[in-house]
Amino acid sequence: MGLIENTKHNSDVLLLRIAERLKERFGMEMVLLNRKKSAADHVTDNAITDLKEKADFVISGIGD
């Protein structure tokens, strides 16, 4: 799985907990964590390419 973290407060904590639970329950591995420059920023084309190549699915997190 790939994770996209948007830099909002607690976004990283939430995403990493979800990834940990998915690993515990289903043996899934996080293969990529992308951190956007800000919540308003888009995911870069390079990051999208990496996610497509390495991850079967992506979780995009928000925080606050």
C-alpha atoms as a PDB file:
ATOM      1  CA  MET A   1       0.000   0.000   0.000  1.00  0.00           C
ATOM      2  CA  GLY A   2       1.029   3.558  -0.549  1.00  0.00           C
ATOM      3  CA  LEU A   3       0.253   6.440   1.779  1.00  0.00           C
ATOM      4  CA  ILE A   4      -0.158  10.111   0.947  1.00  0.00           C
ATOM      5  CA  GLU A   5       0.292  12.381   3.942  1.00  0.00           C
ATOM      6  CA  ASN A   6      -0.919  15.956   3.548  1.00  0.00           C
ATOM      7  CA  THR A   7       1.067  17.549   6.431  1.00  0.00           C
ATOM      8  CA  LYS A   8      -2.038  18.428   8.476  1.00  0.00           C
ATOM      9  CA  HIS A   9      -1.793  17.863  12.214  1.00  0.00           C
ATOM     10  CA  ASN A  10      -1.995  14.125  13.059  1.00  0.00           C
ATOM     11  CA  SER A  11      -2.278  13.045   9.419  1.00  0.00           C
ATOM     12  CA  ASP A  12       0.950  11.048   9.647  1.00  0.00           C
ATOM     13  CA  VAL A  13      -0.095   9.457  12.941  1.00  0.00           C
ATOM     14  CA  LEU A  14      -3.447   8.368  11.524  1.00  0.00           C
ATOM     15  CA  LEU A  15      -1.989   6.953   8.311  1.00  0.00           C
ATOM     16  CA  LEU A  16       0.773   5.037  10.082  1.00  0.00           C
ATOM     17  CA  ARG A  17      -1.744   3.515  12.499  1.00  0.00           C
ATOM     18  CA  ILE A  18      -3.938   2.416   9.615  1.00  0.00           C
ATOM     19  CA  ALA A  19      -0.918   0.892   7.869  1.00  0.00           C
ATOM     20  CA  GLU A  20       0.102  -0.879  11.086  1.00  0.00           C
ATOM     21  CA  ARG A  21      -3.378  -2.350  11.553  1.00  0.00           C
ATOM     22  CA  LEU A  22      -3.555  -3.521   7.940  1.00  0.00           C
ATOM     23  CA  LYS A  23      -0.171  -5.205   8.381  1.00  0.00           C
ATOM     24  CA  GLU A  24      -1.253  -6.914  11.614  1.00  0.00           C
ATOM     25  CA  ARG A  25      -4.578  -8.142  10.257  1.00  0.00           C
ATOM     26  CA  PHE A  26      -3.802  -8.877   6.629  1.00  0.00           C
ATOM     27  CA  GLY A  27      -0.005  -8.916   6.259  1.00  0.00           C
ATOM     28  CA  MET A  28      -0.018  -5.841   4.013  1.00  0.00           C
ATOM     29  CA  GLU A  29       3.171  -3.836   3.691  1.00  0.00           C
ATOM     30  CA  MET A  30       3.517  -0.104   3.245  1.00  0.00           C
ATOM     31  CA  VAL A  31       5.779   0.371   0.242  1.00  0.00           C
ATOM     32  CA  LEU A  32       5.742   4.144  -0.094  1.00  0.00           C
ATOM     33  CA  LEU A  33       4.905   7.179   2.031  1.00  0.00           C
ATOM     34  CA  ASN A  34       4.543  10.431   0.116  1.00  0.00           C
ATOM     35  CA  ARG A  35       4.458  13.713   2.019  1.00  0.00           C
ATOM     36  CA  LYS A  36       2.924  16.637   0.194  1.00  0.00           C
ATOM     37  CA  LYS A  37       4.450  20.085   0.726  1.00  0.00           C
ATOM     38  CA  SER A  38       1.137  21.326   2.141  1.00  0.00           C
ATOM     39  CA  ALA A  39      -2.469  20.223   2.406  1.00  0.00           C
ATOM     40  CA  ALA A  40      -3.369  22.475  -0.526  1.00  0.00           C
ATOM     41  CA  ASP A  41      -0.610  21.080  -2.746  1.00  0.00           C
ATOM     42  CA  HIS A  42      -1.234  18.361  -5.293  1.00  0.00           C
ATOM     43  CA  VAL A  43       0.590  15.048  -5.460  1.00  0.00           C
ATOM     44  CA  THR A  44       3.483  15.409  -7.879  1.00  0.00           C
ATOM     45  CA  ASP A  45       3.596  13.506 -11.156  1.00  0.00           C
ATOM     46  CA  ASN A  46       6.734  11.687  -9.962  1.00  0.00           C
ATOM     47  CA  ALA A  47       4.979  10.585  -6.777  1.00  0.00           C
ATOM     48  CA  ILE A  48       1.987   9.351  -8.772  1.00  0.00           C
ATOM     49  CA  THR A  49       4.291   7.352 -11.029  1.00  0.00           C
ATOM     50  CA  ASP A  50       6.047   5.809  -7.998  1.00  0.00           C
ATOM     51  CA  LEU A  51       2.723   4.957  -6.375  1.00  0.00           C
ATOM     52  CA  LYS A  52       1.429   3.330  -9.556  1.00  0.00           C
ATOM     53  CA  GLU A  53       4.586   1.220  -9.879  1.00  0.00           C
ATOM     54  CA  LYS A  54       4.962   0.159  -6.251  1.00  0.00           C
ATOM     55  CA  ALA A  55       1.539   0.104  -4.587  1.00  0.00           C
ATOM     56  CA  ASP A  56      -1.602  -1.922  -5.209  1.00  0.00           C
ATOM     57  CA  PHE A  57      -3.681   0.807  -3.568  1.00  0.00           C
ATOM     58  CA  VAL A  58      -3.200   4.189  -1.907  1.00  0.00           C
ATOM     59  CA  ILE A  59      -4.647   5.753   1.213  1.00  0.00           C
ATOM     60  CA  SER A  60      -4.671   9.524   1.326  1.00  0.00           C
ATOM     61  CA  GLY A  61      -4.927  10.917   4.827  1.00  0.00           C
ATOM     62  CA  ILE A  62      -6.150  14.077   6.385  1.00  0.00           C
ATOM     63  CA  GLY A  63      -5.722  15.266   9.924  1.00  0.00           C
ATOM     64  CA  ASP A  64      -6.830  17.875  12.446  1.00  0.00           C
END
